[in-house]
Amino acid sequence: MENTEKTVEVLNDLIEINNDRADGFDKAAKDIKEENIDLKAIFEKLSSDSRTNVTELAGLVGRNGENPDTGNTILGSLHRAWIDIKASFGGDDRHSILAECERGEDAIKKAYREALQENELGENIRQVLLEQQKGINASHDAIKALRDAHAAI
């Protein structure tokens, strides 16, 4: 029972942070200015990737006999509010947008790293998380490369 509770807790935490990530990228795509329109498709894809992760994680929670969380984290909501405030004061240039996105990607990378340190996870769940982590790491690296490329201009 304790293993199941811990597993469900870990999965629900990942659901929440993936929801944060999807909402953050949706917001970034919606608020993007014309000069950065090339980022819109990237942000929409990353949002979609997180929603796919959520669906997969929710299925794992259900297989453990529990109902998945459907919300967001408080920190994720605060991060989006901070982005709104920053944008209202002129922090909506390409570098700022990408730096904030990278910061969000750092948070989800950390969440997966911590989740995978849990010993109670079954091997099938661990494999799903490792696969999702690969995608998140690749996305982080792509966002970072875009940010770095812009900084070099």
Protein backbone atom coordinates (compact mmCIF):
# COMPACT_ATOMS: atom_id res chain seq x y z
CA MET A 1 0.00 0.00 0.00
CA GLU A 2 2.76 2.46 0.93
CA ASN A 3 4.56 1.80 -2.37
CA THR A 4 1.36 2.52 -4.28
CA GLU A 5 0.75 5.73 -2.34
CA LYS A 6 4.29 6.97 -2.97
CA THR A 7 4.12 6.01 -6.65
CA VAL A 8 0.81 7.85 -7.08
CA GLU A 9 2.21 10.88 -5.27
CA VAL A 10 5.24 10.98 -7.59
CA LEU A 11 3.08 10.55 -10.69
CA ASN A 12 0.62 13.24 -9.56
CA ASP A 13 3.48 15.66 -8.93
CA LEU A 14 4.69 15.06 -12.48
CA ILE A 15 1.16 15.53 -13.82
CA GLU A 16 0.95 18.92 -12.10
CA ILE A 17 4.31 20.14 -13.39
CA ASN A 18 3.50 18.92 -16.90
CA ASN A 19 0.22 20.86 -16.65
CA ASP A 20 2.25 23.91 -15.59
CA ARG A 21 4.58 23.42 -18.53
CA ALA A 22 1.74 23.01 -21.03
CA ASP A 23 -0.07 26.09 -19.70
CA GLY A 24 3.15 28.09 -19.72
CA PHE A 25 3.94 27.23 -23.33
CA ASP A 26 0.29 27.84 -24.33
CA LYS A 27 0.53 31.28 -22.77
CA ALA A 28 3.87 32.00 -24.41
CA ALA A 29 2.51 30.94 -27.82
CA LYS A 30 -0.61 33.08 -27.36
CA ASP A 31 1.28 36.18 -26.24
CA ILE A 32 4.07 35.96 -28.82
CA LYS A 33 4.72 39.11 -30.81
CA GLU A 34 5.10 39.15 -34.60
CA GLU A 35 8.91 39.43 -34.52
CA ASN A 36 9.11 36.12 -32.60
CA ILE A 37 6.37 34.25 -34.47
CA ASP A 38 8.84 31.47 -35.36
CA LEU A 39 8.73 30.42 -31.69
CA LYS A 40 4.96 29.87 -31.72
CA ALA A 41 5.09 26.43 -33.39
CA ILE A 42 7.86 25.34 -31.01
CA PHE A 43 5.89 26.42 -27.96
CA GLU A 44 2.72 24.74 -29.24
CA LYS A 45 4.61 21.48 -29.80
CA LEU A 46 6.13 21.56 -26.31
CA SER A 47 2.71 22.22 -24.80
CA SER A 48 1.32 19.27 -26.75
CA ASP A 49 4.21 17.06 -25.60
CA SER A 50 3.39 17.87 -21.97
CA ARG A 51 -0.30 17.12 -22.49
CA THR A 52 0.72 13.75 -23.96
CA ASN A 53 2.89 13.15 -20.88
CA VAL A 54 -0.07 14.00 -18.64
CA THR A 55 -2.30 11.50 -20.44
CA GLU A 56 0.32 8.79 -20.06
CA LEU A 57 0.95 9.61 -16.38
CA ALA A 58 -2.77 9.74 -15.62
CA GLY A 59 -3.13 6.25 -17.08
CA LEU A 60 -0.40 5.02 -14.74
CA VAL A 61 -2.15 6.59 -11.76
CA GLY A 62 -5.39 4.90 -12.81
CA ARG A 63 -3.64 1.52 -13.06
CA ASN A 64 -2.62 2.04 -9.44
CA GLY A 65 -6.28 2.38 -8.49
CA GLU A 66 -6.28 6.13 -7.87
CA ASN A 67 -7.61 9.24 -9.58
CA PRO A 68 -5.00 11.50 -11.17
CA ASP A 69 -4.56 15.14 -10.20
CA THR A 70 -5.77 17.57 -12.81
CA GLY A 71 -4.40 20.86 -11.48
CA ASN A 72 -1.26 22.89 -11.50
CA THR A 73 1.37 23.64 -8.91
CA ILE A 74 1.33 26.89 -6.96
CA LEU A 75 4.86 27.65 -8.16
CA GLY A 76 3.79 27.20 -11.77
CA SER A 77 0.92 29.63 -11.33
CA LEU A 78 3.27 32.10 -9.67
CA HIS A 79 5.78 31.71 -12.51
CA ARG A 80 3.12 32.54 -15.12
CA ALA A 81 2.05 35.58 -13.06
CA TRP A 82 5.68 36.71 -12.92
CA ILE A 83 5.94 36.40 -16.70
CA ASP A 84 2.82 38.58 -17.04
CA ILE A 85 4.31 41.23 -14.76
CA LYS A 86 7.67 41.11 -16.52
CA ALA A 87 6.04 41.43 -19.94
CA SER A 88 4.04 44.46 -18.81
CA PHE A 89 7.33 46.22 -17.99
CA GLY A 90 8.94 45.48 -21.33
CA GLY A 91 10.55 42.11 -20.67
CA ASP A 92 9.03 40.51 -23.74
CA ASP A 93 12.06 40.47 -26.04
CA ARG A 94 13.22 37.18 -27.55
CA HIS A 95 16.02 36.61 -25.07
CA SER A 96 13.73 37.23 -22.06
CA ILE A 97 11.06 34.90 -23.43
CA LEU A 98 13.55 32.11 -24.05
CA ALA A 99 15.28 32.64 -20.69
CA GLU A 100 11.93 32.28 -18.88
CA CYS A 101 11.12 29.18 -20.92
CA GLU A 102 14.48 27.69 -20.04
CA ARG A 103 13.83 28.40 -16.38
CA GLY A 104 10.59 26.45 -16.63
CA GLU A 105 12.40 23.63 -18.40
CA ASP A 106 14.98 23.57 -15.59
CA ALA A 107 12.14 23.05 -13.10
CA ILE A 108 10.60 20.12 -14.95
CA LYS A 109 14.02 18.52 -15.48
CA LYS A 110 14.57 18.69 -11.73
CA ALA A 111 11.14 17.18 -11.05
CA TYR A 112 11.90 14.18 -13.26
CA ARG A 113 15.38 13.76 -11.78
CA GLU A 114 13.88 13.69 -8.28
CA ALA A 115 11.03 11.37 -9.29
CA LEU A 116 13.46 8.87 -10.75
CA GLN A 117 15.36 8.75 -7.45
CA GLU A 118 12.33 7.12 -5.79
CA ASN A 119 13.00 3.47 -5.10
CA GLU A 120 9.33 2.48 -4.89
CA LEU A 121 8.63 2.99 -8.58
CA GLY A 122 8.01 -0.15 -10.57
CA GLU A 123 10.19 -0.87 -13.57
CA ASN A 124 7.41 -0.14 -16.09
CA ILE A 125 6.77 3.28 -14.50
CA ARG A 126 10.49 4.01 -14.35
CA GLN A 127 10.78 3.28 -18.10
CA VAL A 128 7.90 5.64 -18.92
CA LEU A 129 9.49 8.39 -16.83
CA LEU A 130 12.90 7.85 -18.41
CA GLU A 131 11.38 8.13 -21.87
CA GLN A 132 9.51 11.32 -20.95
CA GLN A 133 12.68 12.68 -19.34
CA LYS A 134 14.58 12.20 -22.62
CA GLY A 135 12.06 14.36 -24.45
CA ILE A 136 12.14 17.02 -21.75
CA ASN A 137 15.94 17.12 -21.74
CA ALA A 138 15.96 17.48 -25.53
CA SER A 139 13.39 20.29 -25.34
CA HIS A 140 15.41 22.07 -22.67
CA ASP A 141 18.52 21.86 -24.80
CA ALA A 142 16.66 23.21 -27.84
CA ILE A 143 15.27 26.18 -25.88
CA LYS A 144 18.72 26.85 -24.41
CA ALA A 145 20.32 26.72 -27.87
CA LEU A 146 17.77 29.21 -29.20
CA ARG A 147 18.41 31.50 -26.26
CA ASP A 148 22.19 31.23 -26.66
CA ALA A 149 21.96 31.81 -30.43
CA HIS A 150 20.00 34.99 -29.81
CA ALA A 151 22.46 36.17 -27.15
CA ALA A 152 25.30 35.78 -29.68
CA ILE A 153 23.62 38.15 -32.14
